[in-house]
C-alpha atoms as a PDB file:
ATOM      1  CA  MET A   1     -18.198  15.883  -4.874  1.00  0.00           C
ATOM      2  CA  ARG A   2     -19.400  16.057  -1.279  1.00  0.00           C
ATOM      3  CA  ARG A   3     -21.118  19.378  -1.875  1.00  0.00           C
ATOM      4  CA  MET A   4     -22.979  17.937  -4.862  1.00  0.00           C
ATOM      5  CA  THR A   5     -24.301  15.080  -2.731  1.00  0.00           C
ATOM      6  CA  LEU A   6     -25.315  17.591  -0.071  1.00  0.00           C
ATOM      7  CA  LEU A   7     -27.159  19.663  -2.640  1.00  0.00           C
ATOM      8  CA  GLU A   8     -28.937  16.554  -3.915  1.00  0.00           C
ATOM      9  CA  VAL A   9     -30.135  15.761  -0.388  1.00  0.00           C
ATOM     10  CA  LEU A  10     -31.328  19.326   0.160  1.00  0.00           C
ATOM     11  CA  ALA A  11     -32.947  19.540  -3.254  1.00  0.00           C
ATOM     12  CA  ALA A  12     -34.925  16.349  -2.773  1.00  0.00           C
ATOM     13  CA  GLY A  13     -36.159  17.417   0.632  1.00  0.00           C
ATOM     14  CA  LEU A  14     -37.142  20.905  -0.445  1.00  0.00           C
ATOM     15  CA  ALA A  15     -38.461  19.961  -3.840  1.00  0.00           C
ATOM     16  CA  LEU A  16     -41.065  17.611  -2.442  1.00  0.00           C
ATOM     17  CA  ALA A  17     -42.329  19.373   0.641  1.00  0.00           C
ATOM     18  CA  ALA A  18     -42.589  22.585   2.581  1.00  0.00           C
ATOM     19  CA  CYS A  19     -40.150  23.143   5.419  1.00  0.00           C
ATOM     20  CA  GLY A  20     -40.894  22.764   9.834  1.00  0.00           C
ATOM     21  CA  ASP A  21     -40.805  19.655  12.204  1.00  0.00           C
ATOM     22  CA  ASP A  22     -43.226  16.867  12.879  1.00  0.00           C
ATOM     23  CA  GLY A  23     -41.551  13.559  12.129  1.00  0.00           C
ATOM     24  CA  GLY A  24     -44.864  11.736  12.146  1.00  0.00           C
ATOM     25  CA  GLU A  25     -46.130   8.870  10.081  1.00  0.00           C
ATOM     26  CA  THR A  26     -47.856   9.409   6.787  1.00  0.00           C
ATOM     27  CA  THR A  27     -51.344   8.090   6.243  1.00  0.00           C
ATOM     28  CA  SER A  28     -53.038   7.735   2.906  1.00  0.00           C
ATOM     29  CA  ALA A  29     -55.754   5.686   1.262  1.00  0.00           C
ATOM     30  CA  LEU A  30     -53.318   5.118  -1.609  1.00  0.00           C
ATOM     31  CA  ASP A  31     -51.955   1.593  -2.045  1.00  0.00           C
ATOM     32  CA  GLU A  32     -48.313   2.115  -1.108  1.00  0.00           C
ATOM     33  CA  SER A  33     -47.188  -1.043  -2.922  1.00  0.00           C
ATOM     34  CA  ARG A  34     -47.869   0.667  -6.253  1.00  0.00           C
ATOM     35  CA  GLN A  35     -44.983   2.012  -8.314  1.00  0.00           C
ATOM     36  CA  LEU A  36     -44.671   5.783  -8.590  1.00  0.00           C
ATOM     37  CA  GLY A  37     -44.666   5.586 -12.373  1.00  0.00           C
ATOM     38  CA  GLU A  38     -48.111   3.931 -12.347  1.00  0.00           C
ATOM     39  CA  LEU A  39     -49.854   6.681 -10.399  1.00  0.00           C
ATOM     40  CA  THR A  40     -52.409   9.050 -11.842  1.00  0.00           C
ATOM     41  CA  ALA A  41     -51.718  12.778 -11.486  1.00  0.00           C
ATOM     42  CA  GLU A  42     -54.148  12.925  -8.558  1.00  0.00           C
ATOM     43  CA  GLU A  43     -52.488   9.977  -6.804  1.00  0.00           C
ATOM     44  CA  ALA A  44     -49.014  11.455  -7.364  1.00  0.00           C
ATOM     45  CA  ASN A  45     -50.198  14.707  -5.785  1.00  0.00           C
ATOM     46  CA  GLN A  46     -51.523  12.675  -2.828  1.00  0.00           C
ATOM     47  CA  VAL A  47     -48.024  11.231  -2.302  1.00  0.00           C
ATOM     48  CA  CYS A  48     -46.642  14.766  -2.183  1.00  0.00           C
ATOM     49  CA  ASP A  49     -49.368  15.875   0.234  1.00  0.00           C
ATOM     50  CA  ASP A  50     -48.647  12.879   2.483  1.00  0.00           C
ATOM     51  CA  LEU A  51     -44.984  13.917   2.703  1.00  0.00           C
ATOM     52  CA  LYS A  52     -45.469  17.591   3.610  1.00  0.00           C
ATOM     53  CA  GLU A  53     -45.645  17.161   7.385  1.00  0.00           C
ATOM     54  CA  PRO A  54     -43.008  14.445   7.958  1.00  0.00           C
ATOM     55  CA  MET A  55     -40.526  16.313   5.759  1.00  0.00           C
ATOM     56  CA  LYS A  56     -40.943  19.755   7.289  1.00  0.00           C
ATOM     57  CA  LEU A  57     -37.712  21.336   8.438  1.00  0.00           C
ATOM     58  CA  ALA A  58     -37.487  24.109  11.003  1.00  0.00           C
ATOM     59  CA  LYS A  59     -35.486  27.226  10.177  1.00  0.00           C
ATOM     60  CA  VAL A  60     -32.851  26.145  12.718  1.00  0.00           C
ATOM     61  CA  ASP A  61     -32.306  22.911  10.771  1.00  0.00           C
ATOM     62  CA  GLN A  62     -32.035  24.788   7.514  1.00  0.00           C
ATOM     63  CA  CYS A  63     -29.557  27.227   9.071  1.00  0.00           C
ATOM     64  CA  ASP A  64     -27.417  24.274  10.203  1.00  0.00           C
ATOM     65  CA  LEU A  65     -27.265  23.119   6.614  1.00  0.00           C
ATOM     66  CA  ILE A  66     -26.478  26.598   5.288  1.00  0.00           C
ATOM     67  CA  GLY A  67     -23.676  26.904   7.838  1.00  0.00           C
ATOM     68  CA  LEU A  68     -22.204  23.539   6.891  1.00  0.00           C
ATOM     69  CA  LEU A  69     -22.359  24.372   3.191  1.00  0.00           C
ATOM     70  CA  ASN A  70     -20.685  27.731   3.518  1.00  0.00           C
ATOM     71  CA  ALA A  71     -18.149  27.324   6.314  1.00  0.00           C
ATOM     72  CA  SER A  72     -14.681  25.900   6.467  1.00  0.00           C
ATOM     73  CA  GLY A  73     -14.796  25.211  10.207  1.00  0.00           C
ATOM     74  CA  ILE A  74     -17.068  25.006  13.248  1.00  0.00           C
ATOM     75  CA  GLU A  75     -16.598  28.615  14.380  1.00  0.00           C
ATOM     76  CA  GLU A  76     -17.440  29.983  10.942  1.00  0.00           C
ATOM     77  CA  CYS A  77     -20.403  27.616  10.718  1.00  0.00           C
ATOM     78  CA  VAL A  78     -21.769  28.840  14.065  1.00  0.00           C
ATOM     79  CA  ALA A  79     -21.424  32.467  12.928  1.00  0.00           C
ATOM     80  CA  ILE A  80     -23.290  31.713   9.685  1.00  0.00           C
ATOM     81  CA  TRP A  81     -25.901  29.734  11.617  1.00  0.00           C
ATOM     82  CA  ARG A  82     -26.516  32.638  14.031  1.00  0.00           C
ATOM     83  CA  ALA A  83     -26.775  35.152  11.187  1.00  0.00           C
ATOM     84  CA  CYS A  84     -29.199  32.853   9.389  1.00  0.00           C
ATOM     85  CA  LEU A  85     -31.425  32.508  12.456  1.00  0.00           C
ATOM     86  CA  LEU A  86     -31.440  36.270  13.019  1.00  0.00           C
ATOM     87  CA  SER A  87     -32.201  37.079   9.402  1.00  0.00           C
ATOM     88  CA  ALA A  88     -35.642  38.318   8.508  1.00  0.00           C
ATOM     89  CA  ASN A  89     -35.679  35.884   5.628  1.00  0.00           C
ATOM     90  CA  GLU A  90     -38.260  33.154   5.784  1.00  0.00           C
ATOM     91  CA  PRO A  91     -37.043  29.536   5.799  1.00  0.00           C
ATOM     92  CA  LEU A  92     -36.338  27.992   2.430  1.00  0.00           C
ATOM     93  CA  THR A  93     -39.552  26.469   1.231  1.00  0.00           C
ATOM     94  CA  SER A  94     -41.026  24.782  -1.750  1.00  0.00           C
ATOM     95  CA  THR A  95     -44.547  23.492  -1.784  1.00  0.00           C
ATOM     96  CA  ARG A  96     -44.154  22.429  -5.381  1.00  0.00           C
ATOM     97  CA  CYS A  97     -44.093  18.720  -5.917  1.00  0.00           C
ATOM     98  CA  PHE A  98     -42.362  17.507  -9.036  1.00  0.00           C
ATOM     99  CA  THR A  99     -44.649  14.633  -9.886  1.00  0.00           C
ATOM    100  CA  TYR A 100     -43.232  14.581 -13.406  1.00  0.00           C
ATOM    101  CA  ASP A 101     -40.193  12.950 -11.809  1.00  0.00           C
ATOM    102  CA  PHE A 102     -42.414   9.957 -11.029  1.00  0.00           C
ATOM    103  CA  GLU A 103     -42.779   9.078 -14.720  1.00  0.00           C
ATOM    104  CA  GLY A 104     -41.160   5.707 -15.417  1.00  0.00           C
ATOM    105  CA  CYS A 105     -40.151   5.345 -11.756  1.00  0.00           C
ATOM    106  CA  THR A 106     -40.359   1.736 -10.586  1.00  0.00           C
ATOM    107  CA  VAL A 107     -39.941   2.246  -6.829  1.00  0.00           C
ATOM    108  CA  THR A 108     -43.052   1.865  -4.733  1.00  0.00           C
ATOM    109  CA  VAL A 109     -44.826   4.678  -2.970  1.00  0.00           C
ATOM    110  CA  ALA A 110     -43.725   3.156   0.353  1.00  0.00           C
ATOM    111  CA  GLU A 111     -40.055   3.002  -0.724  1.00  0.00           C
ATOM    112  CA  ALA A 112     -40.093   6.614  -1.894  1.00  0.00           C
ATOM    113  CA  LYS A 113     -41.765   7.838   1.302  1.00  0.00           C
ATOM    114  CA  THR A 114     -39.354   5.875   3.496  1.00  0.00           C
ATOM    115  CA  CYS A 115     -36.372   7.324   1.634  1.00  0.00           C
ATOM    116  CA  LEU A 116     -37.539  10.924   1.717  1.00  0.00           C
ATOM    117  CA  ILE A 117     -38.546  10.809   5.373  1.00  0.00           C
ATOM    118  CA  ALA A 118     -35.118   9.318   6.223  1.00  0.00           C
ATOM    119  CA  MET A 119     -33.471  12.143   4.272  1.00  0.00           C
ATOM    120  CA  ALA A 120     -35.453  14.689   6.284  1.00  0.00           C
ATOM    121  CA  GLY A 121     -34.292  12.948   9.469  1.00  0.00           C
ATOM    122  CA  THR A 122     -30.685  13.258   8.319  1.00  0.00           C
ATOM    123  CA  LEU A 123     -31.144  16.982   7.721  1.00  0.00           C
ATOM    124  CA  LYS A 124     -32.832  17.460  11.115  1.00  0.00           C
ATOM    125  CA  ALA A 125     -29.885  15.776  12.857  1.00  0.00           C
ATOM    126  CA  LEU A 126     -27.257  18.157  11.433  1.00  0.00           C
ATOM    127  CA  SER A 127     -25.321  20.680  13.468  1.00  0.00           C
ATOM    128  CA  CYS A 128     -22.184  22.729  12.910  1.00  0.00           C
ATOM    129  CA  GLY A 129     -20.230  19.872  14.453  1.00  0.00           C
ATOM    130  CA  SER A 130     -21.568  17.351  11.949  1.00  0.00           C
ATOM    131  CA  SER A 131     -19.346  15.629   9.454  1.00  0.00           C
ATOM    132  CA  LEU A 132     -20.196  16.220   5.808  1.00  0.00           C
ATOM    133  CA  ASP A 133     -20.045  12.426   5.472  1.00  0.00           C
ATOM    134  CA  LEU A 134     -23.484  12.336   7.142  1.00  0.00           C
ATOM    135  CA  LEU A 135     -24.922  14.052   4.108  1.00  0.00           C
ATOM    136  CA  GLN A 136     -24.885  10.985   1.929  1.00  0.00           C
ATOM    137  CA  PRO A 137     -28.367   9.738   1.078  1.00  0.00           C
ATOM    138  CA  PRO A 138     -29.364   7.221   3.780  1.00  0.00           C
ATOM    139  CA  ALA A 139     -29.499   3.462   3.231  1.00  0.00           C
ATOM    140  CA  GLU A 140     -33.273   3.736   2.842  1.00  0.00           C
ATOM    141  CA  CYS A 141     -32.623   5.535  -0.479  1.00  0.00           C
ATOM    142  CA  VAL A 142     -30.537   2.870  -2.246  1.00  0.00           C
ATOM    143  CA  GLY A 143     -33.465   1.604  -4.328  1.00  0.00           C
ATOM    144  CA  VAL A 144     -34.738   5.088  -5.090  1.00  0.00           C
ATOM    145  CA  ARG A 145     -31.280   6.188  -6.207  1.00  0.00           C
ATOM    146  CA  ALA A 146     -30.982   3.131  -8.478  1.00  0.00           C
ATOM    147  CA  PHE A 147     -34.476   3.053  -9.978  1.00  0.00           C
ATOM    148  CA  CYS A 148     -35.749   6.624  -9.736  1.00  0.00           C
ATOM    149  CA  PRO A 149     -32.747   8.967  -9.437  1.00  0.00           C
ATOM    150  CA  SER A 150     -34.629  12.000 -10.747  1.00  0.00           C
ATOM    151  CA  ILE A 151     -36.467  12.268  -7.415  1.00  0.00           C
ATOM    152  CA  LEU A 152     -33.146  12.752  -5.610  1.00  0.00           C
ATOM    153  CA  GLU A 153     -31.499  14.937  -8.237  1.00  0.00           C
ATOM    154  CA  ASN A 154     -34.154  17.559  -8.924  1.00  0.00           C
ATOM    155  CA  GLY A 155     -32.600  20.855  -7.897  1.00  0.00           C
ATOM    156  CA  GLU A 156     -35.553  23.069  -8.800  1.00  0.00           C
ATOM    157  CA  GLY A 157     -37.673  24.849  -6.237  1.00  0.00           C
ATOM    158  CA  PHE A 158     -35.120  26.686  -4.134  1.00  0.00           C
END
């Protein structure tokens, strides 16, 4: 069950944005009090564009996650992490934005952005010494999980 929650967190982060580190605010001319399900296709794409920078994850952060997913202890995690960093593989990325998940979604643009940026922050804070309990969606995602779960459960794109 923990691994499924972890995969949901990773999937949401990767499915909506490309991966690096900025952590900055998002700015948009879009009225953020609007519900996702009310947006036009162009506006939904703007939400995705607004999230690209604040949700970027560096390869080191992704390697932390890969280590945690595949290791049974800290030493094994560190070994996996090192191998991941040294690999020629590019970081996991997905620039696709699944705006079809917005259909019928009643959370606001601001609520969705707050949730997804908090999820990225959780992923950026991971290390091999982290508890898997940290991988639960953050409190900022309670409304999104209740009223628009498809955003958090889309596992496509990686």
